[in-house]
């Protein structure tokens, strides 16, 4: 009787010892696997997309004047526009310097946008008509927003016709370093890459009255797309100025 009881107790004790050892074995194995992975010296990195090179007949001069132009990639467009001396007039028109009532930098900084920035020489050709625009907030808003549209497009994808933030449409022809806007303005250098925008320096100030004829929507889907675009524009831009002649003052005669 005592022998049988001793055998039973011995078997139970053996089973209990085996069961008790299982969690220890499992626990001992888990940290080893985790430690091996945690101590792996191989870093995991995601390669950054390269910044495309600039294209256009004036890009060599731009690179020479802005040797660190690739650093613009991490900066908001308002900072980039203020950093390029050749477009300082345009920067003054969009940043409230020309007229404190018109400052769209906060809007631009919430891109994505494509921005066409005329050179200082292009604005000088408008004198004295530019002074009249500066003094009229509605006219200045119209001028500023006609040089902007939604998107992030490189030099090979910019061609086509689309509405600007002003409402009137704009047309770009060509590819690469040979681009024209509304058949009149030539792209001097682009696409300068800001954090939230692509900037194209152009040699002529754009006039919405000289833009292309609007693309007439056909069918329900096209009408819906046009309505969506209009809603986006009105959200980001101020109310359009009163209806009237949209021509900007003509450039002063040479001489």
C-alpha atoms as a PDB file:
ATOM      1  CA  UNK A   1       0.000   0.000   0.000  1.00  0.00           C
ATOM      2  CA  UNK A   2       2.789   2.348   0.987  1.00  0.00           C
ATOM      3  CA  UNK A   3       4.763   1.353  -2.075  1.00  0.00           C
ATOM      4  CA  UNK A   4       1.823   2.016  -4.420  1.00  0.00           C
ATOM      5  CA  UNK A   5       1.179   5.396  -2.767  1.00  0.00           C
ATOM      6  CA  UNK A   6       4.834   6.351  -3.064  1.00  0.00           C
ATOM      7  CA  UNK A   7       4.857   5.487  -6.756  1.00  0.00           C
ATOM      8  CA  UNK A   8       1.750   7.581  -7.344  1.00  0.00           C
ATOM      9  CA  UNK A   9       3.196  10.545  -5.522  1.00  0.00           C
ATOM     10  CA  UNK A  10       6.467  10.168  -7.398  1.00  0.00           C
ATOM     11  CA  UNK A  11       4.713  10.157 -10.795  1.00  0.00           C
ATOM     12  CA  UNK A  12       2.653  13.220  -9.879  1.00  0.00           C
ATOM     13  CA  UNK A  13       5.755  15.051  -8.753  1.00  0.00           C
ATOM     14  CA  UNK A  14       7.509  14.182 -12.000  1.00  0.00           C
ATOM     15  CA  UNK A  15       4.602  15.466 -14.110  1.00  0.00           C
ATOM     16  CA  UNK A  16       4.463  18.668 -12.044  1.00  0.00           C
ATOM     17  CA  UNK A  17       8.172  19.210 -12.605  1.00  0.00           C
ATOM     18  CA  UNK A  18       7.809  18.786 -16.363  1.00  0.00           C
ATOM     19  CA  UNK A  19       4.877  21.192 -16.521  1.00  0.00           C
ATOM     20  CA  UNK A  20       6.695  23.726 -14.354  1.00  0.00           C
ATOM     21  CA  UNK A  21       9.706  23.597 -16.664  1.00  0.00           C
ATOM     22  CA  UNK A  22       7.739  24.392 -19.848  1.00  0.00           C
ATOM     23  CA  UNK A  23       7.139  28.163 -19.245  1.00  0.00           C
ATOM     24  CA  UNK A  24      10.786  28.519 -18.302  1.00  0.00           C
ATOM     25  CA  UNK A  25      11.880  26.963 -21.565  1.00  0.00           C
ATOM     26  CA  UNK A  26       9.496  29.093 -23.592  1.00  0.00           C
ATOM     27  CA  UNK A  27      10.438  32.252 -21.684  1.00  0.00           C
ATOM     28  CA  UNK A  28      14.097  31.520 -22.107  1.00  0.00           C
ATOM     29  CA  UNK A  29      13.770  31.062 -25.851  1.00  0.00           C
ATOM     30  CA  UNK A  30      11.698  34.203 -26.612  1.00  0.00           C
ATOM     31  CA  UNK A  31      14.156  36.877 -25.443  1.00  0.00           C
ATOM     32  CA  UNK A  32      16.964  35.206 -27.394  1.00  0.00           C
ATOM     33  CA  UNK A  33      15.069  35.601 -30.659  1.00  0.00           C
ATOM     34  CA  UNK A  34      14.082  39.205 -29.898  1.00  0.00           C
ATOM     35  CA  UNK A  35      17.593  40.128 -28.780  1.00  0.00           C
ATOM     36  CA  UNK A  36      19.078  38.708 -31.941  1.00  0.00           C
ATOM     37  CA  UNK A  37      16.809  40.909 -34.091  1.00  0.00           C
ATOM     38  CA  UNK A  38      17.253  44.001 -31.930  1.00  0.00           C
ATOM     39  CA  UNK A  39      21.044  43.730 -32.129  1.00  0.00           C
ATOM     40  CA  UNK A  40      21.041  43.463 -35.930  1.00  0.00           C
ATOM     41  CA  UNK A  41      23.456  46.255 -36.993  1.00  0.00           C
ATOM     42  CA  UNK A  42      22.015  46.564 -40.510  1.00  0.00           C
ATOM     43  CA  UNK A  43      20.093  49.905 -40.750  1.00  0.00           C
ATOM     44  CA  UNK A  44      16.879  50.088 -42.750  1.00  0.00           C
ATOM     45  CA  UNK A  45      16.737  53.251 -44.873  1.00  0.00           C
ATOM     46  CA  UNK A  46      14.356  54.520 -47.538  1.00  0.00           C
ATOM     47  CA  UNK A  47      16.164  56.203 -50.453  1.00  0.00           C
ATOM     48  CA  UNK A  48      15.034  59.787 -51.128  1.00  0.00           C
ATOM     49  CA  UNK A  49      13.796  60.730 -54.562  1.00  0.00           C
ATOM     50  CA  UNK A  50      16.429  62.757 -56.427  1.00  0.00           C
ATOM     51  CA  UNK A  51      15.608  66.393 -57.177  1.00  0.00           C
ATOM     52  CA  UNK A  52      15.152  66.804 -60.942  1.00  0.00           C
ATOM     53  CA  UNK A  53      17.598  69.096 -62.683  1.00  0.00           C
ATOM     54  CA  UNK A  54      16.399  72.506 -63.833  1.00  0.00           C
ATOM     55  CA  UNK A  55      15.615  73.108 -67.483  1.00  0.00           C
ATOM     56  CA  UNK A  56      15.376  76.268 -69.543  1.00  0.00           C
ATOM     57  CA  UNK A  57      17.650  78.758 -71.319  1.00  0.00           C
ATOM     58  CA  UNK A  58      18.269  80.763 -68.133  1.00  0.00           C
ATOM     59  CA  UNK A  59      18.989  77.885 -65.771  1.00  0.00           C
ATOM     60  CA  UNK A  60      22.779  78.149 -65.980  1.00  0.00           C
ATOM     61  CA  UNK A  61      22.596  81.725 -64.710  1.00  0.00           C
ATOM     62  CA  UNK A  62      20.110  80.674 -62.025  1.00  0.00           C
ATOM     63  CA  UNK A  63      22.375  77.871 -60.771  1.00  0.00           C
ATOM     64  CA  UNK A  64      25.310  80.276 -60.636  1.00  0.00           C
ATOM     65  CA  UNK A  65      23.272  82.791 -58.620  1.00  0.00           C
ATOM     66  CA  UNK A  66      21.699  80.103 -56.430  1.00  0.00           C
ATOM     67  CA  UNK A  67      24.325  77.362 -55.959  1.00  0.00           C
ATOM     68  CA  UNK A  68      22.284  75.808 -53.140  1.00  0.00           C
ATOM     69  CA  UNK A  69      19.036  75.758 -55.097  1.00  0.00           C
ATOM     70  CA  UNK A  70      18.404  72.108 -54.213  1.00  0.00           C
ATOM     71  CA  UNK A  71      17.948  73.176 -50.591  1.00  0.00           C
ATOM     72  CA  UNK A  72      14.742  74.931 -51.674  1.00  0.00           C
ATOM     73  CA  UNK A  73      13.181  71.466 -51.747  1.00  0.00           C
ATOM     74  CA  UNK A  74      12.666  71.562 -47.977  1.00  0.00           C
ATOM     75  CA  UNK A  75      11.394  75.141 -47.766  1.00  0.00           C
ATOM     76  CA  UNK A  76       7.864  76.560 -48.250  1.00  0.00           C
ATOM     77  CA  UNK A  77       7.296  78.486 -51.426  1.00  0.00           C
ATOM     78  CA  UNK A  78       6.953  81.816 -49.615  1.00  0.00           C
ATOM     79  CA  UNK A  79      10.535  81.457 -48.396  1.00  0.00           C
ATOM     80  CA  UNK A  80      11.786  80.376 -51.815  1.00  0.00           C
ATOM     81  CA  UNK A  81      10.160  83.286 -53.664  1.00  0.00           C
ATOM     82  CA  UNK A  82      11.746  85.717 -51.225  1.00  0.00           C
ATOM     83  CA  UNK A  83      15.152  84.116 -51.829  1.00  0.00           C
ATOM     84  CA  UNK A  84      15.343  84.737 -55.596  1.00  0.00           C
ATOM     85  CA  UNK A  85      16.368  88.338 -56.409  1.00  0.00           C
ATOM     86  CA  UNK A  86      15.341  88.145 -60.080  1.00  0.00           C
ATOM     87  CA  UNK A  87      11.662  87.772 -59.088  1.00  0.00           C
ATOM     88  CA  UNK A  88      11.612  90.201 -56.164  1.00  0.00           C
ATOM     89  CA  UNK A  89       8.854  92.285 -57.770  1.00  0.00           C
ATOM     90  CA  UNK A  90       6.576  89.271 -58.044  1.00  0.00           C
ATOM     91  CA  UNK A  91       7.364  88.351 -54.462  1.00  0.00           C
ATOM     92  CA  UNK A  92       6.374  91.840 -53.331  1.00  0.00           C
ATOM     93  CA  UNK A  93       3.036  91.530 -55.136  1.00  0.00           C
ATOM     94  CA  UNK A  94       2.076  88.237 -53.472  1.00  0.00           C
ATOM     95  CA  UNK A  95       3.492  88.886 -49.993  1.00  0.00           C
ATOM     96  CA  UNK A  96       1.771  92.143 -49.025  1.00  0.00           C
ATOM     97  CA  UNK A  97       4.809  94.343 -49.615  1.00  0.00           C
ATOM     98  CA  UNK A  98       3.292  96.074 -52.634  1.00  0.00           C
ATOM     99  CA  UNK A  99      -0.137  96.357 -51.019  1.00  0.00           C
ATOM    100  CA  UNK A 100      -0.725  95.219 -47.405  1.00  0.00           C
ATOM    101  CA  UNK A 101      -4.301  94.304 -48.321  1.00  0.00           C
ATOM    102  CA  UNK A 102      -3.070  91.573 -50.692  1.00  0.00           C
ATOM    103  CA  UNK A 103      -0.973  88.807 -49.161  1.00  0.00           C
ATOM    104  CA  UNK A 104      -1.435  85.277 -50.496  1.00  0.00           C
ATOM    105  CA  UNK A 105       1.721  83.691 -49.054  1.00  0.00           C
ATOM    106  CA  UNK A 106      -0.250  81.669 -46.498  1.00  0.00           C
ATOM    107  CA  UNK A 107      -2.396  80.308 -49.317  1.00  0.00           C
ATOM    108  CA  UNK A 108       0.628  79.392 -51.400  1.00  0.00           C
ATOM    109  CA  UNK A 109       2.312  77.741 -48.434  1.00  0.00           C
ATOM    110  CA  UNK A 110      -0.645  75.372 -48.232  1.00  0.00           C
ATOM    111  CA  UNK A 111      -0.046  74.055 -51.759  1.00  0.00           C
ATOM    112  CA  UNK A 112       0.541  72.006 -53.888  1.00  0.00           C
ATOM    113  CA  UNK A 113       0.817  74.704 -56.548  1.00  0.00           C
ATOM    114  CA  UNK A 114       2.495  75.488 -59.815  1.00  0.00           C
ATOM    115  CA  UNK A 115       3.576  79.140 -59.760  1.00  0.00           C
ATOM    116  CA  UNK A 116       4.653  81.202 -62.764  1.00  0.00           C
ATOM    117  CA  UNK A 117       6.899  84.000 -61.522  1.00  0.00           C
ATOM    118  CA  UNK A 118       7.635  86.813 -64.016  1.00  0.00           C
ATOM    119  CA  UNK A 119      11.060  88.425 -63.828  1.00  0.00           C
ATOM    120  CA  UNK A 120      11.630  91.953 -62.592  1.00  0.00           C
ATOM    121  CA  UNK A 121      12.274  93.013 -66.197  1.00  0.00           C
ATOM    122  CA  UNK A 122       8.861  91.657 -67.223  1.00  0.00           C
ATOM    123  CA  UNK A 123       7.140  93.836 -64.619  1.00  0.00           C
ATOM    124  CA  UNK A 124       9.284  96.852 -65.541  1.00  0.00           C
ATOM    125  CA  UNK A 125       7.830  96.627 -69.054  1.00  0.00           C
ATOM    126  CA  UNK A 126       4.359  97.205 -67.573  1.00  0.00           C
ATOM    127  CA  UNK A 127       5.171 100.585 -65.982  1.00  0.00           C
ATOM    128  CA  UNK A 128       3.262 102.751 -65.220  1.00  0.00           C
ATOM    129  CA  UNK A 129       0.341 100.310 -65.480  1.00  0.00           C
ATOM    130  CA  UNK A 130       1.727  98.193 -62.628  1.00  0.00           C
ATOM    131  CA  UNK A 131       1.286 101.077 -60.197  1.00  0.00           C
ATOM    132  CA  UNK A 132      -2.452 101.126 -60.918  1.00  0.00           C
ATOM    133  CA  UNK A 133      -2.677  97.392 -60.234  1.00  0.00           C
ATOM    134  CA  UNK A 134      -0.805  97.715 -56.950  1.00  0.00           C
ATOM    135  CA  UNK A 135      -3.267 100.354 -55.766  1.00  0.00           C
ATOM    136  CA  UNK A 136      -6.314  98.202 -56.599  1.00  0.00           C
ATOM    137  CA  UNK A 137      -6.596  95.091 -54.361  1.00  0.00           C
ATOM    138  CA  UNK A 138      -9.110  93.392 -56.671  1.00  0.00           C
ATOM    139  CA  UNK A 139      -6.843  93.853 -59.688  1.00  0.00           C
ATOM    140  CA  UNK A 140      -3.807  92.689 -57.727  1.00  0.00           C
ATOM    141  CA  UNK A 141      -5.572  89.556 -56.492  1.00  0.00           C
ATOM    142  CA  UNK A 142      -6.543  88.839 -60.082  1.00  0.00           C
ATOM    143  CA  UNK A 143      -2.975  89.247 -61.281  1.00  0.00           C
ATOM    144  CA  UNK A 144      -1.488  87.127 -58.491  1.00  0.00           C
ATOM    145  CA  UNK A 145      -3.915  84.224 -58.749  1.00  0.00           C
ATOM    146  CA  UNK A 146      -3.733  84.067 -62.537  1.00  0.00           C
ATOM    147  CA  UNK A 147      -0.103  83.012 -62.126  1.00  0.00           C
ATOM    148  CA  UNK A 148      -1.020  80.029 -59.905  1.00  0.00           C
ATOM    149  CA  UNK A 149      -2.801  76.712 -60.350  1.00  0.00           C
ATOM    150  CA  UNK A 150      -3.189  73.557 -58.288  1.00  0.00           C
ATOM    151  CA  UNK A 151      -0.701  70.757 -58.836  1.00  0.00           C
ATOM    152  CA  UNK A 152       2.923  69.670 -58.714  1.00  0.00           C
ATOM    153  CA  UNK A 153       4.060  69.283 -62.306  1.00  0.00           C
ATOM    154  CA  UNK A 154       7.528  68.939 -63.781  1.00  0.00           C
ATOM    155  CA  UNK A 155       8.750  70.286 -67.076  1.00  0.00           C
ATOM    156  CA  UNK A 156       7.601  67.240 -69.055  1.00  0.00           C
ATOM    157  CA  UNK A 157       4.104  67.186 -67.566  1.00  0.00           C
ATOM    158  CA  UNK A 158       3.225  70.889 -67.575  1.00  0.00           C
ATOM    159  CA  UNK A 159       1.780  71.081 -71.084  1.00  0.00           C
ATOM    160  CA  UNK A 160      -1.976  71.381 -71.427  1.00  0.00           C
ATOM    161  CA  UNK A 161      -4.789  73.748 -70.515  1.00  0.00           C
ATOM    162  CA  UNK A 162      -6.264  74.144 -67.043  1.00  0.00           C
ATOM    163  CA  UNK A 163      -7.954  76.736 -64.804  1.00  0.00           C
ATOM    164  CA  UNK A 164      -5.886  79.001 -62.594  1.00  0.00           C
ATOM    165  CA  UNK A 165      -6.781  80.041 -59.052  1.00  0.00           C
ATOM    166  CA  UNK A 166      -8.078  83.288 -60.527  1.00  0.00           C
ATOM    167  CA  UNK A 167     -10.613  81.330 -62.559  1.00  0.00           C
ATOM    168  CA  UNK A 168      -9.489  82.035 -66.121  1.00  0.00           C
ATOM    169  CA  UNK A 169      -7.634  79.277 -67.923  1.00  0.00           C
ATOM    170  CA  UNK A 170      -3.990  79.017 -68.838  1.00  0.00           C
ATOM    171  CA  UNK A 171      -2.279  77.044 -71.590  1.00  0.00           C
ATOM    172  CA  UNK A 172       1.232  75.630 -71.631  1.00  0.00           C
ATOM    173  CA  UNK A 173       2.885  74.230 -74.757  1.00  0.00           C
ATOM    174  CA  UNK A 174       6.172  72.427 -75.231  1.00  0.00           C
ATOM    175  CA  UNK A 175       8.228  70.165 -72.989  1.00  0.00           C
ATOM    176  CA  UNK A 176      11.501  70.112 -71.129  1.00  0.00           C
ATOM    177  CA  UNK A 177      13.464  73.327 -71.477  1.00  0.00           C
ATOM    178  CA  UNK A 178      11.285  74.722 -74.257  1.00  0.00           C
ATOM    179  CA  UNK A 179       8.002  75.850 -72.677  1.00  0.00           C
ATOM    180  CA  UNK A 180       5.644  78.696 -73.511  1.00  0.00           C
ATOM    181  CA  UNK A 181       2.656  79.976 -71.567  1.00  0.00           C
ATOM    182  CA  UNK A 182      -0.363  81.373 -73.446  1.00  0.00           C
ATOM    183  CA  UNK A 183       1.830  81.493 -76.573  1.00  0.00           C
ATOM    184  CA  UNK A 184       3.511  84.674 -75.305  1.00  0.00           C
ATOM    185  CA  UNK A 185       5.565  84.029 -72.161  1.00  0.00           C
ATOM    186  CA  UNK A 186       8.682  81.866 -72.335  1.00  0.00           C
ATOM    187  CA  UNK A 187       9.843  79.816 -69.385  1.00  0.00           C
ATOM    188  CA  UNK A 188      13.346  80.964 -68.494  1.00  0.00           C
ATOM    189  CA  UNK A 189      13.965  78.280 -65.888  1.00  0.00           C
ATOM    190  CA  UNK A 190      11.918  75.580 -64.179  1.00  0.00           C
ATOM    191  CA  UNK A 191      10.848  73.601 -62.332  1.00  0.00           C
ATOM    192  CA  UNK A 192      12.394  75.088 -59.194  1.00  0.00           C
ATOM    193  CA  UNK A 193      11.278  72.693 -56.486  1.00  0.00           C
ATOM    194  CA  UNK A 194       9.940  74.027 -53.186  1.00  0.00           C
ATOM    195  CA  UNK A 195       8.482  71.805 -50.473  1.00  0.00           C
ATOM    196  CA  UNK A 196       4.936  72.381 -51.689  1.00  0.00           C
ATOM    197  CA  UNK A 197       5.257  73.942 -55.135  1.00  0.00           C
ATOM    198  CA  UNK A 198       7.017  74.055 -58.477  1.00  0.00           C
ATOM    199  CA  UNK A 199       8.180  77.483 -59.637  1.00  0.00           C
ATOM    200  CA  UNK A 200       8.648  78.508 -63.259  1.00  0.00           C
ATOM    201  CA  UNK A 201      10.397  81.814 -63.970  1.00  0.00           C
ATOM    202  CA  UNK A 202       8.880  83.452 -67.069  1.00  0.00           C
ATOM    203  CA  UNK A 203       9.851  86.473 -69.178  1.00  0.00           C
ATOM    204  CA  UNK A 204       6.380  88.037 -69.544  1.00  0.00           C
ATOM    205  CA  UNK A 205       3.585  88.953 -67.139  1.00  0.00           C
ATOM    206  CA  UNK A 206       0.472  86.891 -67.874  1.00  0.00           C
ATOM    207  CA  UNK A 207      -2.823  88.627 -68.633  1.00  0.00           C
ATOM    208  CA  UNK A 208      -6.071  86.637 -68.059  1.00  0.00           C
ATOM    209  CA  UNK A 209      -7.719  88.532 -70.898  1.00  0.00           C
ATOM    210  CA  UNK A 210      -5.134  87.116 -73.297  1.00  0.00           C
ATOM    211  CA  UNK A 211      -5.523  83.533 -72.128  1.00  0.00           C
ATOM    212  CA  UNK A 212      -6.981  80.662 -74.169  1.00  0.00           C
ATOM    213  CA  UNK A 213     -10.661  80.165 -74.785  1.00  0.00           C
ATOM    214  CA  UNK A 214     -12.164  78.044 -71.981  1.00  0.00           C
ATOM    215  CA  UNK A 215     -12.581  74.374 -72.735  1.00  0.00           C
ATOM    216  CA  UNK A 216     -16.347  73.899 -73.035  1.00  0.00           C
ATOM    217  CA  UNK A 217     -17.484  71.013 -70.802  1.00  0.00           C
ATOM    218  CA  UNK A 218     -19.571  68.320 -72.479  1.00  0.00           C
ATOM    219  CA  UNK A 219     -21.600  65.696 -70.639  1.00  0.00           C
ATOM    220  CA  UNK A 220     -22.451  65.233 -66.991  1.00  0.00           C
ATOM    221  CA  UNK A 221     -19.004  64.055 -65.861  1.00  0.00           C
ATOM    222  CA  UNK A 222     -17.234  67.064 -67.364  1.00  0.00           C
ATOM    223  CA  UNK A 223     -19.719  69.442 -65.790  1.00  0.00           C
ATOM    224  CA  UNK A 224     -19.132  67.815 -62.424  1.00  0.00           C
ATOM    225  CA  UNK A 225     -15.361  68.176 -62.779  1.00  0.00           C
ATOM    226  CA  UNK A 226     -15.730  71.855 -63.677  1.00  0.00           C
ATOM    227  CA  UNK A 227     -17.931  72.458 -60.638  1.00  0.00           C
ATOM    228  CA  UNK A 228     -15.378  70.779 -58.380  1.00  0.00           C
ATOM    229  CA  UNK A 229     -12.571  72.970 -59.734  1.00  0.00           C
ATOM    230  CA  UNK A 230     -14.619  76.109 -59.220  1.00  0.00           C
ATOM    231  CA  UNK A 231     -15.331  75.139 -55.627  1.00  0.00           C
ATOM    232  CA  UNK A 232     -11.629  74.583 -54.929  1.00  0.00           C
ATOM    233  CA  UNK A 233     -10.736  77.933 -56.443  1.00  0.00           C
ATOM    234  CA  UNK A 234     -13.312  79.866 -54.477  1.00  0.00           C
ATOM    235  CA  UNK A 235     -12.171  78.223 -51.259  1.00  0.00           C
ATOM    236  CA  UNK A 236      -8.550  79.251 -51.648  1.00  0.00           C
ATOM    237  CA  UNK A 237      -8.972  82.580 -53.404  1.00  0.00           C
ATOM    238  CA  UNK A 238     -10.899  85.667 -52.315  1.00  0.00           C
ATOM    239  CA  UNK A 239     -14.251  86.476 -53.962  1.00  0.00           C
ATOM    240  CA  UNK A 240     -13.734  87.526 -57.584  1.00  0.00           C
ATOM    241  CA  UNK A 241     -13.680  91.267 -58.269  1.00  0.00           C
ATOM    242  CA  UNK A 242     -16.717  92.945 -59.844  1.00  0.00           C
ATOM    243  CA  UNK A 243     -17.390  92.026 -63.425  1.00  0.00           C
ATOM    244  CA  UNK A 244     -15.737  94.265 -65.955  1.00  0.00           C
ATOM    245  CA  UNK A 245     -12.845  94.508 -68.342  1.00  0.00           C
ATOM    246  CA  UNK A 246     -10.227  91.968 -67.305  1.00  0.00           C
ATOM    247  CA  UNK A 247      -7.411  93.508 -69.366  1.00  0.00           C
ATOM    248  CA  UNK A 248      -4.413  94.615 -67.404  1.00  0.00           C
ATOM    249  CA  UNK A 249      -2.877  97.973 -68.310  1.00  0.00           C
ATOM    250  CA  UNK A 250      -0.735  97.703 -71.391  1.00  0.00           C
ATOM    251  CA  UNK A 251       3.021  97.886 -71.158  1.00  0.00           C
ATOM    252  CA  UNK A 252       4.551 101.324 -71.563  1.00  0.00           C
ATOM    253  CA  UNK A 253       5.880 102.027 -75.062  1.00  0.00           C
ATOM    254  CA  UNK A 254       9.609 101.589 -75.465  1.00  0.00           C
ATOM    255  CA  UNK A 255      11.804 104.667 -75.586  1.00  0.00           C
END
